[in-house]
Amino acid sequence: MVRVLIATAAVIVVLLWLVWLVQRSLIYLPDSDPVTPAGDVLPGAADVRLRTSDGLELGAWLVPPAQPGPYAVVLVAPGNAGNRADRAPLAAALAARGMAVLLVDYRGYGGNPGSPSEDGLALDIRAAHRFLTDDLGVPPAQLIYYGESLGSAVVTDLAAEHPPAALILRSPFTDLAAAGHEHYPFLPVRLLLRDRFPLAETLPRVTAPVTVVLGTADSVIPPEQSREVARAGRARLVEIPGADHNDRVLLDGPALLDAITRP
């Protein structure tokens, strides 16, 4: 019996070590193929390069507003899957409403070099912020941060350091461990995680107005986690009835667009 227990414990330890080793391939699901030129997907859009403080050069798309005049600039931090081409419908819809958009791809996504991690994504979004504020001269009062799912944690961290005019969080989790536990309840997720993304803990340091958008049928991030985030940030809460995590209404639907354009 003792030998069986020792063997079982050894197997569990090895399995947990393997999970720890490959965990980032479970968290980050990039489409790493190079994307087509921005102008071929979104008329008038431009391919731009973002330079991170650790020496990477990342591709992104800058989409102009459909009409001239005063306009806000939306910095879009995507979720953990796909690449910037998947967010083209959102950018087109925001441009049609008179907003400029910067569609970011993290390291390892959309043909970009590097491998994603919490620290890496923090550097990537700050490179996007520097491009907008330093290179283009966009003032903070003109900037809106929009984060989708995992991207909500990325822009919340940025907003705590560089306040925007408004912060919009779509399907946010309280922290990555809480989100992971929903999908891997049989694992000690909080013990194993290398990347934390403590969104709800960081949000109270944000001074900008915050809006949280959720789908009430979200099967990836439980709606109650997003509601908890809203409570942590004293945020305006927009609930879209019956919407699941990847439904079109949560990509560029009217309620989402209203939340971004009228924060």
Protein backbone atom coordinates (compact mmCIF):
# COMPACT_ATOMS: atom_id res chain seq x y z
CA MET A 1 0.00 0.00 0.00
CA VAL A 2 2.83 2.39 0.83
CA ARG A 3 4.45 1.75 -2.54
CA VAL A 4 1.15 2.40 -4.30
CA LEU A 5 0.73 5.69 -2.46
CA ILE A 6 4.29 6.72 -3.28
CA ALA A 7 3.82 5.81 -6.95
CA THR A 8 0.52 7.68 -7.11
CA ALA A 9 2.06 10.76 -5.51
CA ALA A 10 4.96 10.62 -7.96
CA VAL A 11 2.58 10.47 -10.93
CA ILE A 12 0.59 13.44 -9.60
CA VAL A 13 3.76 15.47 -9.09
CA VAL A 14 4.94 14.71 -12.64
CA LEU A 15 1.55 15.62 -14.10
CA LEU A 16 1.45 18.90 -12.18
CA TRP A 17 4.99 19.68 -13.32
CA LEU A 18 3.95 19.09 -16.93
CA VAL A 19 0.94 21.36 -16.52
CA TRP A 20 3.18 24.05 -15.02
CA LEU A 21 5.58 23.64 -17.92
CA VAL A 22 3.00 23.98 -20.72
CA GLN A 23 0.51 26.29 -19.01
CA ARG A 24 1.13 29.27 -21.30
CA SER A 25 0.14 27.20 -24.32
CA LEU A 26 -3.21 26.68 -22.55
CA ILE A 27 -3.63 30.38 -21.69
CA TYR A 28 -2.50 32.05 -24.91
CA LEU A 29 -3.98 30.84 -28.19
CA PRO A 30 -2.45 33.10 -30.83
CA ASP A 31 -3.04 33.02 -34.53
CA SER A 32 0.63 33.60 -35.26
CA ASP A 33 0.35 33.83 -39.06
CA PRO A 34 1.23 37.21 -40.59
CA VAL A 35 -1.83 39.30 -41.35
CA THR A 36 -2.66 40.98 -44.66
CA PRO A 37 -1.96 44.72 -45.06
CA ALA A 38 -4.32 46.89 -43.04
CA GLY A 39 -5.61 48.79 -46.06
CA ASP A 40 -6.73 45.57 -47.74
CA VAL A 41 -9.03 44.84 -44.80
CA LEU A 42 -10.06 48.30 -43.62
CA PRO A 43 -10.04 51.11 -46.21
CA GLY A 44 -7.80 53.95 -45.10
CA ALA A 45 -6.15 51.91 -42.32
CA ALA A 46 -2.36 51.89 -41.99
CA ASP A 47 0.15 49.33 -40.82
CA VAL A 48 2.22 50.72 -37.94
CA ARG A 49 5.09 49.38 -35.88
CA LEU A 50 5.29 49.45 -32.09
CA ARG A 51 8.64 49.17 -30.34
CA THR A 52 8.70 47.57 -26.92
CA SER A 53 11.15 48.44 -24.17
CA ASP A 54 12.66 44.96 -24.41
CA GLY A 55 13.52 45.39 -28.07
CA LEU A 56 10.63 43.81 -30.02
CA GLU A 57 8.93 45.39 -33.02
CA LEU A 58 5.23 44.60 -33.17
CA GLY A 59 2.76 45.08 -36.00
CA ALA A 60 -0.52 46.93 -35.38
CA TRP A 61 -3.26 48.63 -37.41
CA LEU A 62 -4.21 52.29 -37.11
CA VAL A 63 -7.74 52.93 -38.34
CA PRO A 64 -8.86 56.55 -38.96
CA PRO A 65 -12.34 57.87 -38.19
CA ALA A 66 -14.84 57.96 -41.04
CA GLN A 67 -15.40 61.69 -40.65
CA PRO A 68 -13.17 64.64 -39.68
CA GLY A 69 -13.44 66.67 -36.54
CA PRO A 70 -12.74 66.07 -32.86
CA TYR A 71 -12.60 62.37 -32.15
CA ALA A 72 -11.55 59.90 -29.50
CA VAL A 73 -8.87 57.27 -30.08
CA VAL A 74 -9.66 53.73 -28.91
CA LEU A 75 -6.75 51.52 -27.90
CA VAL A 76 -7.98 47.94 -28.32
CA ALA A 77 -6.36 45.21 -26.21
CA PRO A 78 -7.58 41.86 -27.57
CA GLY A 79 -8.29 38.63 -25.74
CA ASN A 80 -6.10 35.55 -25.67
CA ALA A 81 -6.94 34.14 -29.12
CA GLY A 82 -6.74 35.08 -32.80
CA ASN A 83 -5.09 38.23 -34.10
CA ARG A 84 -5.98 41.80 -35.05
CA ALA A 85 -7.78 40.78 -38.23
CA ASP A 86 -10.48 39.22 -36.04
CA ARG A 87 -11.16 42.66 -34.52
CA ALA A 88 -11.52 44.42 -37.88
CA PRO A 89 -15.36 44.51 -37.64
CA LEU A 90 -15.09 46.31 -34.30
CA ALA A 91 -12.62 48.83 -35.71
CA ALA A 92 -14.83 49.45 -38.76
CA ALA A 93 -17.88 50.01 -36.57
CA LEU A 94 -16.05 52.41 -34.26
CA ALA A 95 -14.59 54.31 -37.22
CA ALA A 96 -18.09 54.67 -38.65
CA ARG A 97 -19.06 56.30 -35.34
CA GLY A 98 -16.27 58.85 -35.71
CA MET A 99 -13.50 57.27 -33.64
CA ALA A 100 -9.92 56.35 -34.50
CA VAL A 101 -8.77 52.88 -33.46
CA LEU A 102 -5.41 51.23 -32.76
CA LEU A 103 -5.71 47.45 -33.13
CA VAL A 104 -2.84 45.85 -31.24
CA ASP A 105 -1.39 42.37 -31.56
CA TYR A 106 0.70 41.11 -28.67
CA ARG A 107 4.06 39.37 -29.06
CA GLY A 108 3.58 35.98 -30.73
CA TYR A 109 0.31 37.08 -32.39
CA GLY A 110 -0.31 38.12 -35.98
CA GLY A 111 3.23 37.48 -37.20
CA ASN A 112 4.85 39.33 -34.29
CA PRO A 113 8.05 37.99 -32.71
CA GLY A 114 8.29 36.71 -29.17
CA SER A 115 6.14 34.59 -26.88
CA PRO A 116 3.25 35.94 -24.79
CA SER A 117 3.37 36.26 -21.01
CA GLU A 118 1.88 38.62 -18.44
CA ASP A 119 5.05 40.71 -18.29
CA GLY A 120 5.38 40.67 -22.06
CA LEU A 121 1.81 41.86 -22.66
CA ALA A 122 2.37 44.68 -20.19
CA LEU A 123 5.34 45.84 -22.27
CA ASP A 124 3.37 45.46 -25.50
CA ILE A 125 0.43 47.62 -24.40
CA ARG A 126 2.82 50.28 -23.11
CA ALA A 127 4.51 50.34 -26.51
CA ALA A 128 1.07 50.99 -28.03
CA HIS A 129 0.45 53.77 -25.50
CA ARG A 130 3.79 55.42 -26.28
CA PHE A 131 3.04 55.27 -29.99
CA LEU A 132 -0.26 57.08 -29.47
CA THR A 133 0.91 59.65 -26.94
CA ASP A 134 4.54 60.25 -27.95
CA ASP A 135 4.56 59.59 -31.71
CA LEU A 136 1.05 60.82 -32.55
CA GLY A 137 0.63 63.29 -29.70
CA VAL A 138 -2.78 62.01 -28.58
CA PRO A 139 -3.67 63.62 -25.22
CA PRO A 140 -5.01 61.43 -22.38
CA ALA A 141 -8.38 63.23 -22.54
CA GLN A 142 -8.79 61.84 -26.06
CA LEU A 143 -7.86 58.24 -25.22
CA ILE A 144 -10.22 55.35 -24.49
CA TYR A 145 -8.86 51.94 -23.47
CA TYR A 146 -10.92 48.94 -24.49
CA GLY A 147 -10.00 45.47 -23.22
CA GLU A 148 -11.58 42.22 -24.34
CA SER A 149 -11.52 39.34 -21.84
CA LEU A 150 -7.79 38.82 -21.07
CA GLY A 151 -7.18 42.23 -22.62
CA SER A 152 -9.31 43.75 -19.87
CA ALA A 153 -6.58 42.91 -17.37
CA VAL A 154 -3.92 44.27 -19.74
CA VAL A 155 -5.56 47.70 -20.13
CA THR A 156 -6.55 47.90 -16.45
CA ASP A 157 -2.88 47.59 -15.54
CA LEU A 158 -2.06 50.30 -18.10
CA ALA A 159 -4.86 52.58 -16.84
CA ALA A 160 -3.57 52.39 -13.28
CA GLU A 161 -0.26 53.84 -14.52
CA HIS A 162 -1.43 56.03 -17.41
CA PRO A 163 -5.03 57.20 -16.86
CA PRO A 164 -7.20 57.47 -20.00
CA ALA A 165 -10.43 59.38 -20.50
CA ALA A 166 -12.37 56.13 -20.04
CA LEU A 167 -11.78 52.42 -19.48
CA ILE A 168 -14.10 49.84 -21.07
CA LEU A 169 -13.81 46.20 -19.95
CA ARG A 170 -15.61 43.50 -21.92
CA SER A 171 -16.09 40.12 -20.19
CA PRO A 172 -13.41 40.74 -17.54
CA PHE A 173 -12.36 38.15 -14.96
CA THR A 174 -11.41 38.97 -11.38
CA ASP A 175 -8.00 37.37 -11.87
CA LEU A 176 -6.61 34.67 -14.12
CA ALA A 177 -6.64 32.00 -11.42
CA ALA A 178 -10.38 32.49 -10.84
CA ALA A 179 -11.03 32.20 -14.58
CA GLY A 180 -8.78 29.15 -14.85
CA HIS A 181 -10.48 27.39 -11.96
CA GLU A 182 -13.75 27.49 -13.91
CA HIS A 183 -12.21 25.38 -16.67
CA TYR A 184 -9.77 23.25 -14.67
CA PRO A 185 -11.49 22.72 -11.29
CA PHE A 186 -9.49 19.53 -10.69
CA LEU A 187 -6.16 21.42 -10.69
CA PRO A 188 -4.61 23.70 -8.04
CA VAL A 189 -4.69 26.54 -10.55
CA ARG A 190 -3.75 29.34 -8.18
CA LEU A 191 -0.72 27.39 -6.98
CA LEU A 192 0.48 26.55 -10.49
CA LEU A 193 -0.02 29.83 -12.35
CA ARG A 194 2.97 31.83 -13.48
CA ASP A 195 0.84 34.68 -14.87
CA ARG A 196 -1.67 36.28 -12.50
CA PHE A 197 -3.43 39.28 -14.10
CA PRO A 198 -4.97 40.55 -10.80
CA LEU A 199 -7.60 42.72 -12.49
CA ALA A 200 -10.04 43.25 -9.60
CA GLU A 201 -7.16 44.02 -7.24
CA THR A 202 -5.70 46.62 -9.64
CA LEU A 203 -8.95 48.29 -10.71
CA PRO A 204 -9.51 50.44 -7.58
CA ARG A 205 -6.30 52.34 -8.47
CA VAL A 206 -7.85 53.47 -11.77
CA THR A 207 -9.13 57.05 -11.62
CA ALA A 208 -10.88 57.09 -15.02
CA PRO A 209 -14.58 56.25 -15.44
CA VAL A 210 -15.00 52.49 -15.93
CA THR A 211 -17.65 50.55 -17.86
CA VAL A 212 -18.01 46.77 -17.67
CA VAL A 213 -19.82 44.93 -20.48
CA LEU A 214 -20.83 41.29 -20.06
CA GLY A 215 -22.96 38.66 -21.72
CA THR A 216 -25.36 36.97 -19.35
CA ALA A 217 -24.76 33.57 -21.02
CA ASP A 218 -20.94 33.82 -21.08
CA SER A 219 -19.56 30.28 -20.89
CA VAL A 220 -15.89 31.33 -20.75
CA ILE A 221 -15.89 34.05 -18.09
CA PRO A 222 -18.75 33.59 -15.61
CA PRO A 223 -20.95 36.71 -15.60
CA GLU A 224 -20.69 36.92 -11.81
CA GLN A 225 -16.93 37.43 -12.12
CA SER A 226 -17.52 40.39 -14.43
CA ARG A 227 -20.11 41.76 -12.00
CA GLU A 228 -17.56 41.45 -9.20
CA VAL A 229 -15.09 43.44 -11.31
CA ALA A 230 -17.73 46.12 -11.81
CA ARG A 231 -18.28 46.31 -8.06
CA ALA A 232 -14.52 46.54 -7.44
CA GLY A 233 -14.25 49.50 -9.80
CA ARG A 234 -17.61 51.12 -9.02
CA ALA A 235 -18.19 50.79 -12.71
CA ARG A 236 -21.18 51.28 -14.92
CA LEU A 237 -22.47 47.82 -15.80
CA VAL A 238 -23.90 46.90 -19.20
CA GLU A 239 -25.41 43.41 -19.42
CA ILE A 240 -26.30 41.92 -22.80
CA PRO A 241 -28.99 39.27 -22.27
CA GLY A 242 -28.31 35.81 -23.68
CA ALA A 243 -24.88 36.70 -25.10
CA ASP A 244 -22.07 34.14 -24.93
CA HIS A 245 -18.38 35.04 -24.85
CA ASN A 246 -17.71 34.88 -28.60
CA ASP A 247 -21.11 35.94 -29.92
CA ARG A 248 -21.09 38.65 -32.58
CA VAL A 249 -23.09 40.98 -30.33
CA LEU A 250 -20.06 41.09 -27.99
CA LEU A 251 -17.71 41.80 -30.89
CA ASP A 252 -19.37 44.79 -32.53
CA GLY A 253 -23.00 44.78 -31.43
CA PRO A 254 -24.86 48.05 -30.78
CA ALA A 255 -24.86 47.78 -26.98
CA LEU A 256 -21.09 47.25 -26.95
CA LEU A 257 -20.52 50.11 -29.39
CA ASP A 258 -22.69 52.40 -27.28
CA ALA A 259 -20.65 51.49 -24.19
CA ILE A 260 -17.43 52.44 -25.96
CA THR A 261 -18.61 55.56 -27.75
CA ARG A 262 -20.68 56.90 -24.82
CA PRO A 263 -18.62 55.89 -21.74
